[in-house]
C-alpha atoms as a PDB file:
ATOM      1  CA  MET A   1      98.747  37.612  61.014  1.00  0.00           C
ATOM      2  CA  ASN A   2      99.412  37.848  64.739  1.00  0.00           C
ATOM      3  CA  ASP A   3     103.156  38.338  64.142  1.00  0.00           C
ATOM      4  CA  PHE A   4     102.431  40.983  61.516  1.00  0.00           C
ATOM      5  CA  GLY A   5      99.981  42.728  63.845  1.00  0.00           C
ATOM      6  CA  GLY A   6     102.492  42.720  66.689  1.00  0.00           C
ATOM      7  CA  LEU A   7     105.214  44.075  64.416  1.00  0.00           C
ATOM      8  CA  LYS A   8     102.861  46.790  63.196  1.00  0.00           C
ATOM      9  CA  ARG A   9     102.034  47.788  66.771  1.00  0.00           C
ATOM     10  CA  ARG A  10     105.713  47.894  67.689  1.00  0.00           C
ATOM     11  CA  TRP A  11     106.485  50.113  64.681  1.00  0.00           C
ATOM     12  CA  SER A  12     103.544  52.379  65.532  1.00  0.00           C
ATOM     13  CA  PHE A  13     104.766  52.684  69.103  1.00  0.00           C
ATOM     14  CA  LEU A  14     108.317  53.470  67.908  1.00  0.00           C
ATOM     15  CA  ILE A  15     107.041  56.149  65.540  1.00  0.00           C
ATOM     16  CA  TRP A  16     104.957  57.655  68.342  1.00  0.00           C
ATOM     17  CA  VAL A  17     107.999  57.726  70.654  1.00  0.00           C
ATOM     18  CA  LEU A  18     110.067  59.435  67.961  1.00  0.00           C
ATOM     19  CA  LEU A  19     107.367  62.033  67.365  1.00  0.00           C
ATOM     20  CA  VAL A  20     107.096  62.782  71.074  1.00  0.00           C
ATOM     21  CA  ALA A  21     110.877  63.026  71.348  1.00  0.00           C
ATOM     22  CA  CYS A  22     111.016  65.436  68.414  1.00  0.00           C
ATOM     23  CA  CYS A  23     108.296  67.571  69.947  1.00  0.00           C
ATOM     24  CA  CYS A  24     110.121  67.659  73.263  1.00  0.00           C
ATOM     25  CA  LEU A  25     113.386  68.609  71.580  1.00  0.00           C
ATOM     26  CA  ALA A  26     111.621  71.337  69.622  1.00  0.00           C
ATOM     27  CA  GLN A  27     110.263  72.779  72.852  1.00  0.00           C
ATOM     28  CA  ASP A  28     113.461  72.337  74.848  1.00  0.00           C
ATOM     29  CA  ASN A  29     114.720  75.840  74.002  1.00  0.00           C
ATOM     30  CA  TYR A  30     112.293  78.740  74.133  1.00  0.00           C
ATOM     31  CA  ARG A  31     113.035  82.178  72.707  1.00  0.00           C
ATOM     32  CA  PHE A  32     112.319  84.544  75.587  1.00  0.00           C
ATOM     33  CA  ARG A  33     112.055  88.060  74.136  1.00  0.00           C
ATOM     34  CA  VAL A  34     112.207  91.091  76.434  1.00  0.00           C
ATOM     35  CA  VAL A  35     110.953  94.439  75.104  1.00  0.00           C
ATOM     36  CA  SER A  36     111.253  97.956  76.509  1.00  0.00           C
ATOM     37  CA  TYR A  37     108.985 100.646  75.071  1.00  0.00           C
ATOM     38  CA  ASN A  38     108.204 104.248  75.980  1.00  0.00           C
ATOM     39  CA  VAL A  39     104.649 104.547  74.634  1.00  0.00           C
ATOM     40  CA  GLU A  40     104.420 108.377  74.742  1.00  0.00           C
ATOM     41  CA  ASN A  41     101.638 109.392  77.100  1.00  0.00           C
ATOM     42  CA  LEU A  42      99.197 106.508  77.253  1.00  0.00           C
ATOM     43  CA  PHE A  43      96.377 108.414  78.973  1.00  0.00           C
ATOM     44  CA  ASP A  44      92.719 107.536  78.970  1.00  0.00           C
ATOM     45  CA  TYR A  45      90.220 110.318  78.134  1.00  0.00           C
ATOM     46  CA  GLN A  46      88.645 110.685  81.588  1.00  0.00           C
ATOM     47  CA  HIS A  47      89.942 112.631  84.564  1.00  0.00           C
ATOM     48  CA  ASP A  48      91.730 110.651  87.255  1.00  0.00           C
ATOM     49  CA  ASP A  49      91.559 112.488  90.576  1.00  0.00           C
ATOM     50  CA  LEU A  50      95.057 111.330  91.463  1.00  0.00           C
ATOM     51  CA  LYS A  51      96.666 112.412  88.198  1.00  0.00           C
ATOM     52  CA  ASN A  52      97.554 115.684  86.507  1.00  0.00           C
ATOM     53  CA  ASP A  53      95.893 114.584  83.271  1.00  0.00           C
ATOM     54  CA  TYR A  54      94.028 117.756  82.338  1.00  0.00           C
ATOM     55  CA  GLU A  55      95.697 118.159  78.933  1.00  0.00           C
ATOM     56  CA  PHE A  56      94.462 114.676  77.951  1.00  0.00           C
ATOM     57  CA  LEU A  57      90.745 115.378  78.240  1.00  0.00           C
ATOM     58  CA  PRO A  58      88.253 115.969  75.400  1.00  0.00           C
ATOM     59  CA  ASP A  59      87.789 119.665  76.170  1.00  0.00           C
ATOM     60  CA  ALA A  60      91.525 120.398  76.636  1.00  0.00           C
ATOM     61  CA  ALA A  61      93.963 121.813  74.088  1.00  0.00           C
ATOM     62  CA  ARG A  62      94.915 118.346  72.800  1.00  0.00           C
ATOM     63  CA  HIS A  63      91.258 117.329  72.302  1.00  0.00           C
ATOM     64  CA  TRP A  64      92.108 113.816  73.482  1.00  0.00           C
ATOM     65  CA  ASP A  65      88.957 111.696  73.169  1.00  0.00           C
ATOM     66  CA  TYR A  66      87.592 108.160  73.002  1.00  0.00           C
ATOM     67  CA  GLN A  67      88.403 107.629  69.305  1.00  0.00           C
ATOM     68  CA  LYS A  68      92.017 108.764  69.669  1.00  0.00           C
ATOM     69  CA  TYR A  69      92.443 106.689  72.841  1.00  0.00           C
ATOM     70  CA  ARG A  70      91.076 103.536  71.208  1.00  0.00           C
ATOM     71  CA  LYS A  71      93.312 104.047  68.177  1.00  0.00           C
ATOM     72  CA  LYS A  72      96.321 104.502  70.447  1.00  0.00           C
ATOM     73  CA  LEU A  73      95.562 101.215  72.245  1.00  0.00           C
ATOM     74  CA  ASP A  74      95.224  99.227  69.025  1.00  0.00           C
ATOM     75  CA  ASP A  75      98.331 100.846  67.559  1.00  0.00           C
ATOM     76  CA  LEU A  76     100.419  99.961  70.609  1.00  0.00           C
ATOM     77  CA  GLY A  77      99.085  96.405  70.559  1.00  0.00           C
ATOM     78  CA  ARG A  78     100.176  96.027  66.949  1.00  0.00           C
ATOM     79  CA  VAL A  79     103.620  97.391  67.739  1.00  0.00           C
ATOM     80  CA  ILE A  80     104.117  94.929  70.606  1.00  0.00           C
ATOM     81  CA  ILE A  81     103.066  91.949  68.484  1.00  0.00           C
ATOM     82  CA  ALA A  82     105.221  93.129  65.578  1.00  0.00           C
ATOM     83  CA  THR A  83     108.214  93.594  67.896  1.00  0.00           C
ATOM     84  CA  GLY A  84     107.781  89.975  68.927  1.00  0.00           C
ATOM     85  CA  GLU A  85     107.852  89.000  65.240  1.00  0.00           C
ATOM     86  CA  TRP A  86     104.187  87.998  65.551  1.00  0.00           C
ATOM     87  CA  THR A  87     104.841  85.997  68.712  1.00  0.00           C
ATOM     88  CA  PRO A  88     103.968  87.935  71.879  1.00  0.00           C
ATOM     89  CA  PRO A  89     107.184  88.874  73.723  1.00  0.00           C
ATOM     90  CA  ALA A  90     107.566  87.206  77.110  1.00  0.00           C
ATOM     91  CA  LEU A  91     108.062  90.525  78.941  1.00  0.00           C
ATOM     92  CA  VAL A  92     107.273  94.098  77.920  1.00  0.00           C
ATOM     93  CA  GLY A  93     108.384  97.029  80.057  1.00  0.00           C
ATOM     94  CA  LEU A  94     106.279 100.134  79.423  1.00  0.00           C
ATOM     95  CA  CYS A  95     106.971 103.774  80.263  1.00  0.00           C
ATOM     96  CA  GLU A  96     104.461 106.653  80.345  1.00  0.00           C
ATOM     97  CA  VAL A  97     101.261 104.832  81.318  1.00  0.00           C
ATOM     98  CA  GLU A  98      98.634 106.774  83.271  1.00  0.00           C
ATOM     99  CA  ASN A  99      96.758 104.101  85.239  1.00  0.00           C
ATOM    100  CA  GLU A 100      95.509 100.526  85.455  1.00  0.00           C
ATOM    101  CA  HIS A 101      92.466 101.397  83.362  1.00  0.00           C
ATOM    102  CA  CYS A 102      94.801 101.982  80.411  1.00  0.00           C
ATOM    103  CA  LEU A 103      96.525  98.632  80.959  1.00  0.00           C
ATOM    104  CA  THR A 104      93.233  96.771  81.312  1.00  0.00           C
ATOM    105  CA  ASP A 105      92.029  98.269  78.042  1.00  0.00           C
ATOM    106  CA  LEU A 106      95.362  97.513  76.358  1.00  0.00           C
ATOM    107  CA  THR A 107      95.513  93.873  77.452  1.00  0.00           C
ATOM    108  CA  GLU A 108      91.796  92.988  77.336  1.00  0.00           C
ATOM    109  CA  HIS A 109      90.067  95.372  74.908  1.00  0.00           C
ATOM    110  CA  SER A 110      92.548  96.029  72.109  1.00  0.00           C
ATOM    111  CA  VAL A 111      94.117  93.950  69.339  1.00  0.00           C
ATOM    112  CA  LEU A 112      96.409  92.630  72.088  1.00  0.00           C
ATOM    113  CA  LYS A 113      93.562  90.809  73.865  1.00  0.00           C
ATOM    114  CA  GLU A 114      94.364  87.406  72.317  1.00  0.00           C
ATOM    115  CA  ALA A 115      97.983  87.598  73.486  1.00  0.00           C
ATOM    116  CA  GLY A 116      97.045  86.732  77.076  1.00  0.00           C
ATOM    117  CA  TYR A 117      99.102  89.375  78.838  1.00  0.00           C
ATOM    118  CA  ARG A 118      98.846  90.189  82.517  1.00  0.00           C
ATOM    119  CA  TYR A 119     100.330  93.314  84.022  1.00  0.00           C
ATOM    120  CA  ILE A 120     101.904  94.943  87.078  1.00  0.00           C
ATOM    121  CA  MET A 121     102.423  98.690  87.443  1.00  0.00           C
ATOM    122  CA  THR A 122     103.626 101.309  89.896  1.00  0.00           C
ATOM    123  CA  ASN A 123     101.612 104.036  91.617  1.00  0.00           C
ATOM    124  CA  SER A 124     104.081 106.904  91.655  1.00  0.00           C
ATOM    125  CA  PRO A 125     103.820 110.501  92.875  1.00  0.00           C
ATOM    126  CA  ASP A 126     104.954 111.696  89.425  1.00  0.00           C
ATOM    127  CA  GLN A 127     103.480 115.144  88.759  1.00  0.00           C
ATOM    128  CA  ARG A 128     102.615 114.346  85.150  1.00  0.00           C
ATOM    129  CA  GLY A 129     100.613 111.344  86.277  1.00  0.00           C
ATOM    130  CA  ILE A 130     102.596 108.667  84.455  1.00  0.00           C
ATOM    131  CA  ASP A 131     103.995 105.345  85.660  1.00  0.00           C
ATOM    132  CA  VAL A 132     105.947 102.315  84.506  1.00  0.00           C
ATOM    133  CA  ALA A 133     104.463  98.859  84.001  1.00  0.00           C
ATOM    134  CA  LEU A 134     105.388  95.296  83.130  1.00  0.00           C
ATOM    135  CA  LEU A 135     103.348  93.102  80.800  1.00  0.00           C
ATOM    136  CA  TYR A 136     104.142  89.410  81.131  1.00  0.00           C
ATOM    137  CA  GLN A 137     103.208  86.019  79.707  1.00  0.00           C
ATOM    138  CA  HIS A 138     102.164  83.983  82.752  1.00  0.00           C
ATOM    139  CA  GLU A 139     103.129  80.665  81.130  1.00  0.00           C
ATOM    140  CA  VAL A 140     106.820  81.623  81.133  1.00  0.00           C
ATOM    141  CA  PHE A 141     107.033  84.179  83.957  1.00  0.00           C
ATOM    142  CA  LYS A 142     105.125  83.813  87.215  1.00  0.00           C
ATOM    143  CA  PRO A 143     105.487  86.813  89.553  1.00  0.00           C
ATOM    144  CA  LEU A 144     106.331  85.903  93.137  1.00  0.00           C
ATOM    145  CA  THR A 145     107.050  89.297  94.688  1.00  0.00           C
ATOM    146  CA  VAL A 146     106.540  92.913  93.651  1.00  0.00           C
ATOM    147  CA  LYS A 147     108.451  95.877  95.078  1.00  0.00           C
ATOM    148  CA  THR A 148     108.631  99.547  94.209  1.00  0.00           C
ATOM    149  CA  TYR A 149     111.527 101.857  94.988  1.00  0.00           C
ATOM    150  CA  ARG A 150     110.722 105.530  95.482  1.00  0.00           C
ATOM    151  CA  VAL A 151     113.199 108.132  94.311  1.00  0.00           C
ATOM    152  CA  PRO A 152     113.112 111.097  96.725  1.00  0.00           C
ATOM    153  CA  PRO A 153     112.790 114.599  95.246  1.00  0.00           C
ATOM    154  CA  PHE A 154     116.247 116.019  94.615  1.00  0.00           C
ATOM    155  CA  THR A 155     115.241 119.511  95.760  1.00  0.00           C
ATOM    156  CA  LYS A 156     112.049 121.204  96.877  1.00  0.00           C
ATOM    157  CA  GLN A 157     111.805 122.727  93.432  1.00  0.00           C
ATOM    158  CA  LYS A 158     111.989 119.359  91.655  1.00  0.00           C
ATOM    159  CA  ASN A 159     108.777 117.451  91.097  1.00  0.00           C
ATOM    160  CA  ALA A 160     108.571 113.843  92.229  1.00  0.00           C
ATOM    161  CA  THR A 161     109.536 111.280  89.608  1.00  0.00           C
ATOM    162  CA  ARG A 162     108.474 107.730  88.748  1.00  0.00           C
ATOM    163  CA  ASP A 163     108.973 104.811  91.115  1.00  0.00           C
ATOM    164  CA  ILE A 164     111.197 101.920  90.017  1.00  0.00           C
ATOM    165  CA  LEU A 165     109.298  98.661  89.566  1.00  0.00           C
ATOM    166  CA  HIS A 166     110.916  95.400  90.734  1.00  0.00           C
ATOM    167  CA  VAL A 167     109.238  92.070  89.964  1.00  0.00           C
ATOM    168  CA  THR A 168     110.737  88.730  90.951  1.00  0.00           C
ATOM    169  CA  GLY A 169     109.302  85.914  88.865  1.00  0.00           C
ATOM    170  CA  GLU A 170     109.755  82.185  88.446  1.00  0.00           C
ATOM    171  CA  LEU A 171     110.713  80.758  85.070  1.00  0.00           C
ATOM    172  CA  PRO A 172     109.541  77.339  83.829  1.00  0.00           C
ATOM    173  CA  ASN A 173     112.953  75.854  84.747  1.00  0.00           C
ATOM    174  CA  HIS A 174     112.251  76.956  88.373  1.00  0.00           C
ATOM    175  CA  SER A 175     114.991  79.586  88.409  1.00  0.00           C
ATOM    176  CA  LEU A 176     114.226  83.167  89.459  1.00  0.00           C
ATOM    177  CA  LEU A 177     114.409  86.265  87.276  1.00  0.00           C
ATOM    178  CA  ASP A 178     114.505  89.762  88.770  1.00  0.00           C
ATOM    179  CA  VAL A 179     113.113  92.410  86.415  1.00  0.00           C
ATOM    180  CA  LEU A 180     113.416  96.133  87.085  1.00  0.00           C
ATOM    181  CA  VAL A 181     111.546  98.708  84.982  1.00  0.00           C
ATOM    182  CA  CYS A 182     112.428 102.379  85.341  1.00  0.00           C
ATOM    183  CA  HIS A 183     111.799 105.803  83.859  1.00  0.00           C
ATOM    184  CA  LEU A 184     114.426 108.146  85.209  1.00  0.00           C
ATOM    185  CA  PRO A 185     113.822 111.919  85.634  1.00  0.00           C
ATOM    186  CA  SER A 186     113.491 113.925  82.434  1.00  0.00           C
ATOM    187  CA  ARG A 187     115.906 116.424  80.923  1.00  0.00           C
ATOM    188  CA  SER A 188     113.429 119.252  81.429  1.00  0.00           C
ATOM    189  CA  GLY A 189     115.322 122.425  82.255  1.00  0.00           C
ATOM    190  CA  GLY A 190     118.460 121.230  80.488  1.00  0.00           C
ATOM    191  CA  GLU A 191     120.628 118.104  80.413  1.00  0.00           C
ATOM    192  CA  LYS A 192     123.279 119.337  82.847  1.00  0.00           C
ATOM    193  CA  GLU A 193     120.850 121.061  85.180  1.00  0.00           C
ATOM    194  CA  SER A 194     118.661 117.954  85.487  1.00  0.00           C
ATOM    195  CA  GLU A 195     121.500 115.407  85.592  1.00  0.00           C
ATOM    196  CA  PRO A 196     121.879 115.306  89.414  1.00  0.00           C
ATOM    197  CA  TYR A 197     118.324 113.983  89.762  1.00  0.00           C
ATOM    198  CA  ARG A 198     119.022 111.164  87.301  1.00  0.00           C
ATOM    199  CA  LEU A 199     122.211 110.336  89.167  1.00  0.00           C
ATOM    200  CA  LEU A 200     120.193 110.095  92.362  1.00  0.00           C
ATOM    201  CA  ALA A 201     117.617 107.817  90.694  1.00  0.00           C
ATOM    202  CA  ALA A 202     120.367 105.662  89.189  1.00  0.00           C
ATOM    203  CA  GLY A 203     121.841 105.309  92.686  1.00  0.00           C
ATOM    204  CA  VAL A 204     118.519 104.006  94.010  1.00  0.00           C
ATOM    205  CA  LEU A 205     118.421 101.538  91.113  1.00  0.00           C
ATOM    206  CA  ARG A 206     122.008 100.418  91.763  1.00  0.00           C
ATOM    207  CA  GLN A 207     121.247  99.816  95.450  1.00  0.00           C
ATOM    208  CA  ALA A 208     118.259  97.662  94.455  1.00  0.00           C
ATOM    209  CA  VAL A 209     120.436  95.569  92.132  1.00  0.00           C
ATOM    210  CA  ASP A 210     123.153  95.183  94.770  1.00  0.00           C
ATOM    211  CA  SER A 211     120.587  93.953  97.293  1.00  0.00           C
ATOM    212  CA  ILE A 212     119.322  91.351  94.806  1.00  0.00           C
ATOM    213  CA  MET A 213     122.802  89.999  94.123  1.00  0.00           C
ATOM    214  CA  GLU A 214     123.619  89.982  97.824  1.00  0.00           C
ATOM    215  CA  VAL A 215     120.544  87.907  98.677  1.00  0.00           C
ATOM    216  CA  ARG A 216     120.710  85.534  95.693  1.00  0.00           C
ATOM    217  CA  ASN A 217     123.873  83.649  94.888  1.00  0.00           C
ATOM    218  CA  LYS A 218     122.701  82.915  91.339  1.00  0.00           C
ATOM    219  CA  ALA A 219     120.881  86.158  90.664  1.00  0.00           C
ATOM    220  CA  GLN A 220     119.517  86.782  87.170  1.00  0.00           C
ATOM    221  CA  VAL A 221     118.777  90.476  86.661  1.00  0.00           C
ATOM    222  CA  VAL A 222     117.241  92.382  83.751  1.00  0.00           C
ATOM    223  CA  ILE A 223     116.946  96.176  83.916  1.00  0.00           C
ATOM    224  CA  MET A 224     115.045  98.099  81.265  1.00  0.00           C
ATOM    225  CA  GLY A 225     113.334 101.390  80.633  1.00  0.00           C
ATOM    226  CA  ASP A 226     113.793 105.013  79.604  1.00  0.00           C
ATOM    227  CA  PHE A 227     116.805 106.449  81.436  1.00  0.00           C
ATOM    228  CA  ASN A 228     116.614 109.900  79.796  1.00  0.00           C
ATOM    229  CA  ASP A 229     120.375 109.468  79.405  1.00  0.00           C
ATOM    230  CA  TYR A 230     122.591 107.829  76.829  1.00  0.00           C
ATOM    231  CA  TYR A 231     124.695 104.716  77.425  1.00  0.00           C
ATOM    232  CA  ASN A 232     127.858 106.794  78.008  1.00  0.00           C
ATOM    233  CA  ASN A 233     126.274 109.309  80.395  1.00  0.00           C
ATOM    234  CA  ARG A 234     127.235 109.158  84.061  1.00  0.00           C
ATOM    235  CA  SER A 235     123.980 107.637  85.330  1.00  0.00           C
ATOM    236  CA  VAL A 236     124.433 104.551  83.147  1.00  0.00           C
ATOM    237  CA  ALA A 237     128.204 104.258  82.719  1.00  0.00           C
ATOM    238  CA  GLU A 238     129.340 105.334  86.214  1.00  0.00           C
ATOM    239  CA  VAL A 239     126.558 104.987  88.781  1.00  0.00           C
ATOM    240  CA  LEU A 240     125.183 101.728  87.374  1.00  0.00           C
ATOM    241  CA  GLY A 241     128.574 100.818  85.932  1.00  0.00           C
ATOM    242  CA  ALA A 242     127.007  99.158  82.880  1.00  0.00           C
ATOM    243  CA  LYS A 243     129.706  98.103  80.420  1.00  0.00           C
ATOM    244  CA  PRO A 244     129.347  97.344  76.688  1.00  0.00           C
ATOM    245  CA  VAL A 245     129.350  93.656  75.788  1.00  0.00           C
ATOM    246  CA  THR A 246     132.735  92.774  74.277  1.00  0.00           C
ATOM    247  CA  THR A 247     132.800  89.075  75.190  1.00  0.00           C
ATOM    248  CA  LEU A 248     130.493  86.413  76.579  1.00  0.00           C
ATOM    249  CA  LYS A 249     133.078  85.493  79.232  1.00  0.00           C
ATOM    250  CA  THR A 250     131.944  87.912  81.869  1.00  0.00           C
ATOM    251  CA  ASP A 251     131.958  88.781  85.557  1.00  0.00           C
ATOM    252  CA  LYS A 252     128.704  87.413  87.006  1.00  0.00           C
ATOM    253  CA  GLN A 253     128.262  90.438  89.288  1.00  0.00           C
ATOM    254  CA  GLN A 254     129.054  93.078  86.666  1.00  0.00           C
ATOM    255  CA  LEU A 255     126.262  94.885  84.777  1.00  0.00           C
ATOM    256  CA  TYR A 256     126.349  94.901  80.972  1.00  0.00           C
ATOM    257  CA  HIS A 257     124.545  97.144  78.507  1.00  0.00           C
ATOM    258  CA  LEU A 258     123.243  94.989  75.652  1.00  0.00           C
ATOM    259  CA  LEU A 259     123.096  97.734  73.012  1.00  0.00           C
ATOM    260  CA  ALA A 260     126.003 100.016  73.951  1.00  0.00           C
ATOM    261  CA  ALA A 261     128.558  98.458  71.590  1.00  0.00           C
ATOM    262  CA  LYS A 262     126.155  98.702  68.667  1.00  0.00           C
ATOM    263  CA  GLU A 263     125.223 102.293  69.518  1.00  0.00           C
ATOM    264  CA  ALA A 264     128.887 103.285  69.691  1.00  0.00           C
ATOM    265  CA  ALA A 265     129.770 101.654  66.381  1.00  0.00           C
ATOM    266  CA  MET A 266     126.797 102.559  64.188  1.00  0.00           C
ATOM    267  CA  LYS A 267     125.832 105.942  62.800  1.00  0.00           C
ATOM    268  CA  ASP A 268     122.168 107.007  62.708  1.00  0.00           C
ATOM    269  CA  TYR A 269     121.215 104.272  65.136  1.00  0.00           C
ATOM    270  CA  GLY A 270     118.968 104.493  68.163  1.00  0.00           C
ATOM    271  CA  SER A 271     115.448 104.442  69.571  1.00  0.00           C
ATOM    272  CA  TYR A 272     114.993 108.211  69.780  1.00  0.00           C
ATOM    273  CA  ARG A 273     115.749 111.142  67.476  1.00  0.00           C
ATOM    274  CA  TYR A 274     116.527 114.630  68.750  1.00  0.00           C
ATOM    275  CA  ARG A 275     117.288 117.511  66.393  1.00  0.00           C
ATOM    276  CA  GLY A 276     118.098 115.156  63.561  1.00  0.00           C
ATOM    277  CA  GLU A 277     120.399 112.882  65.588  1.00  0.00           C
ATOM    278  CA  TRP A 278     119.553 109.261  66.422  1.00  0.00           C
ATOM    279  CA  ASP A 279     120.512 107.936  69.843  1.00  0.00           C
ATOM    280  CA  SER A 280     118.990 105.845  72.624  1.00  0.00           C
ATOM    281  CA  LEU A 281     117.487 106.925  75.903  1.00  0.00           C
ATOM    282  CA  ASP A 282     116.051 103.409  76.234  1.00  0.00           C
ATOM    283  CA  HIS A 283     118.251 100.620  77.564  1.00  0.00           C
ATOM    284  CA  ILE A 284     118.312  96.937  78.469  1.00  0.00           C
ATOM    285  CA  ILE A 285     120.980  96.014  81.010  1.00  0.00           C
ATOM    286  CA  VAL A 286     121.732  92.597  82.545  1.00  0.00           C
ATOM    287  CA  ASN A 287     124.125  91.106  85.047  1.00  0.00           C
ATOM    288  CA  GLY A 288     127.000  89.020  83.744  1.00  0.00           C
ATOM    289  CA  ARG A 289     125.442  85.687  84.668  1.00  0.00           C
ATOM    290  CA  LEU A 290     122.883  86.109  81.881  1.00  0.00           C
ATOM    291  CA  LEU A 291     125.636  86.380  79.268  1.00  0.00           C
ATOM    292  CA  ARG A 292     127.136  83.004  80.126  1.00  0.00           C
ATOM    293  CA  GLN A 293     125.972  80.398  77.658  1.00  0.00           C
ATOM    294  CA  LYS A 294     126.056  77.463  80.093  1.00  0.00           C
ATOM    295  CA  GLY A 295     123.119  78.726  82.105  1.00  0.00           C
ATOM    296  CA  ALA A 296     119.557  77.431  81.761  1.00  0.00           C
ATOM    297  CA  PHE A 297     118.532  81.017  81.020  1.00  0.00           C
ATOM    298  CA  HIS A 298     120.936  83.213  79.071  1.00  0.00           C
ATOM    299  CA  ILE A 299     121.199  85.807  76.348  1.00  0.00           C
ATOM    300  CA  GLN A 300     120.984  84.540  72.784  1.00  0.00           C
ATOM    301  CA  PRO A 301     124.336  85.036  71.034  1.00  0.00           C
ATOM    302  CA  SER A 302     124.409  86.975  67.780  1.00  0.00           C
ATOM    303  CA  ASP A 303     125.973  86.182  64.427  1.00  0.00           C
ATOM    304  CA  ASP A 304     127.158  89.780  64.021  1.00  0.00           C
ATOM    305  CA  ALA A 305     130.052  91.580  65.686  1.00  0.00           C
ATOM    306  CA  PHE A 306     128.044  92.695  68.711  1.00  0.00           C
ATOM    307  CA  TRP A 307     127.874  89.345  70.531  1.00  0.00           C
ATOM    308  CA  VAL A 308     124.237  89.364  71.644  1.00  0.00           C
ATOM    309  CA  LYS A 309     120.786  89.304  70.020  1.00  0.00           C
ATOM    310  CA  ALA A 310     119.536  92.754  71.006  1.00  0.00           C
ATOM    311  CA  ASP A 311     118.364  95.586  68.797  1.00  0.00           C
ATOM    312  CA  VAL A 312     116.084  98.520  68.153  1.00  0.00           C
ATOM    313  CA  PHE A 313     112.873  97.426  66.449  1.00  0.00           C
ATOM    314  CA  ILE A 314     112.732  99.510  63.283  1.00  0.00           C
ATOM    315  CA  ALA A 315     109.795  99.169  60.907  1.00  0.00           C
ATOM    316  CA  ASP A 316     108.597 101.494  58.166  1.00  0.00           C
ATOM    317  CA  PHE A 317     105.179 101.952  59.747  1.00  0.00           C
ATOM    318  CA  LEU A 318     106.807 103.344  62.913  1.00  0.00           C
ATOM    319  CA  LEU A 319     108.623 106.103  61.013  1.00  0.00           C
ATOM    320  CA  GLU A 320     107.762 109.315  59.206  1.00  0.00           C
ATOM    321  CA  ASP A 321     109.690 111.965  57.288  1.00  0.00           C
ATOM    322  CA  ASP A 322     111.574 114.518  59.347  1.00  0.00           C
ATOM    323  CA  ASP A 323     110.675 117.718  57.513  1.00  0.00           C
ATOM    324  CA  ARG A 324     113.069 119.900  59.519  1.00  0.00           C
ATOM    325  CA  TYR A 325     116.274 117.849  59.628  1.00  0.00           C
ATOM    326  CA  GLY A 326     115.728 115.344  56.819  1.00  0.00           C
ATOM    327  CA  GLY A 327     115.673 111.563  56.977  1.00  0.00           C
ATOM    328  CA  LYS A 328     113.211 109.626  59.130  1.00  0.00           C
ATOM    329  CA  MET A 329     112.002 110.015  62.697  1.00  0.00           C
ATOM    330  CA  PRO A 330     109.611 108.079  64.977  1.00  0.00           C
ATOM    331  CA  PHE A 331     105.972 108.553  63.984  1.00  0.00           C
ATOM    332  CA  ARG A 332     104.634 110.044  67.182  1.00  0.00           C
ATOM    333  CA  THR A 333     101.145 110.626  68.554  1.00  0.00           C
ATOM    334  CA  TYR A 334     101.621 114.370  69.052  1.00  0.00           C
ATOM    335  CA  SER A 335     104.102 116.956  67.857  1.00  0.00           C
ATOM    336  CA  GLY A 336     103.672 119.665  70.448  1.00  0.00           C
ATOM    337  CA  MET A 337      99.919 120.108  70.620  1.00  0.00           C
ATOM    338  CA  LYS A 338      99.367 118.936  67.045  1.00  0.00           C
ATOM    339  CA  TYR A 339      97.791 115.496  66.784  1.00  0.00           C
ATOM    340  CA  LYS A 340      99.624 113.298  64.253  1.00  0.00           C
ATOM    341  CA  GLY A 341      98.022 109.942  64.983  1.00  0.00           C
ATOM    342  CA  GLY A 342     101.267 107.999  65.212  1.00  0.00           C
ATOM    343  CA  TYR A 343     102.578 105.515  67.744  1.00  0.00           C
ATOM    344  CA  SER A 344     105.264 107.042  69.962  1.00  0.00           C
ATOM    345  CA  ASP A 345     108.258 109.363  69.918  1.00  0.00           C
ATOM    346  CA  HIS A 346     110.372 106.323  70.875  1.00  0.00           C
ATOM    347  CA  LEU A 347     110.999 103.034  69.079  1.00  0.00           C
ATOM    348  CA  PRO A 348     110.870  99.746  71.018  1.00  0.00           C
ATOM    349  CA  ILE A 349     114.086  97.925  71.878  1.00  0.00           C
ATOM    350  CA  TYR A 350     114.382  94.205  72.546  1.00  0.00           C
ATOM    351  CA  ALA A 351     116.728  91.432  73.643  1.00  0.00           C
ATOM    352  CA  ASP A 352     116.384  87.685  73.091  1.00  0.00           C
ATOM    353  CA  PHE A 353     117.183  85.110  75.748  1.00  0.00           C
ATOM    354  CA  ILE A 354     117.258  81.326  75.540  1.00  0.00           C
ATOM    355  CA  LEU A 355     115.177  79.542  78.148  1.00  0.00           C
ATOM    356  CA  LYS A 356     116.103  75.873  78.539  1.00  0.00           C
ATOM    357  CA  TYR A 357     113.382  73.709  80.035  1.00  0.00           C
END
């Protein structure tokens, strides 16, 4: 009996060791999803003295009120969870957020409250009263430093634009990740007429990236946001110098656009639709180090012809019929001053990274 009991204990211990080992192996690689999303005017329904938010008040032309605001929060929460494939993305860069009150309500008082997000946002001099923000899962990204880069007005006639948000965080493998969230100046007044301001903003962003890579020998950089330009416009292709991904054998210091190759190759593809044409104003850009598969944190390779796991999140509930041009378009909150009750005029984009513990 004693021998049998000892054998039984040894087998039990062996089984326990195997189970622990399997659990550890299962958790060794973590899918680290990064999402960028322009949420189309996330304003609360009360006046903020520091913001030009008058059109988003109950007695204004839009008749923005508590019920519409609460619906918007819950809708955005559902989109974020759905974009993570029902697992909250590790990082979510947001554009067009009015203030911290909106982010508190989004993270603590909407359907997103169980996801455990924390947030960081800018406090820009933007005349429309909107900012950029970063939602993050604290278990996999612990902010160490926060910086903002101000883009000076291009001329006296140009309104101030959004600050660029820069968060340096520690990953569970103790490496550092630098995340920059931006919303470059709009195309108001015309694409060509407004382009110099975006070039100026892209230059500020490029200087920030250069300073990161100068200070850190093994810099890991993710840039995301609404650039109000396409991947082949000068701000992205020339000033930032972001190249399409054509191989995973890359220059560590070079910047690479994760969706450019797909956007160039595919028709009717993008995160934004203008006059019946799909394209992307939203981008995720990384430095070459994050494309190298030997690193403890790197982009997830793709089985398709575009090398990396990055895409526009397209779901039926985010689309509606385009009555003017045909086909589908993003189901937005407003069309002009007409309330439609949708989500945003942009679709989210995402990229998957592998985090090795």
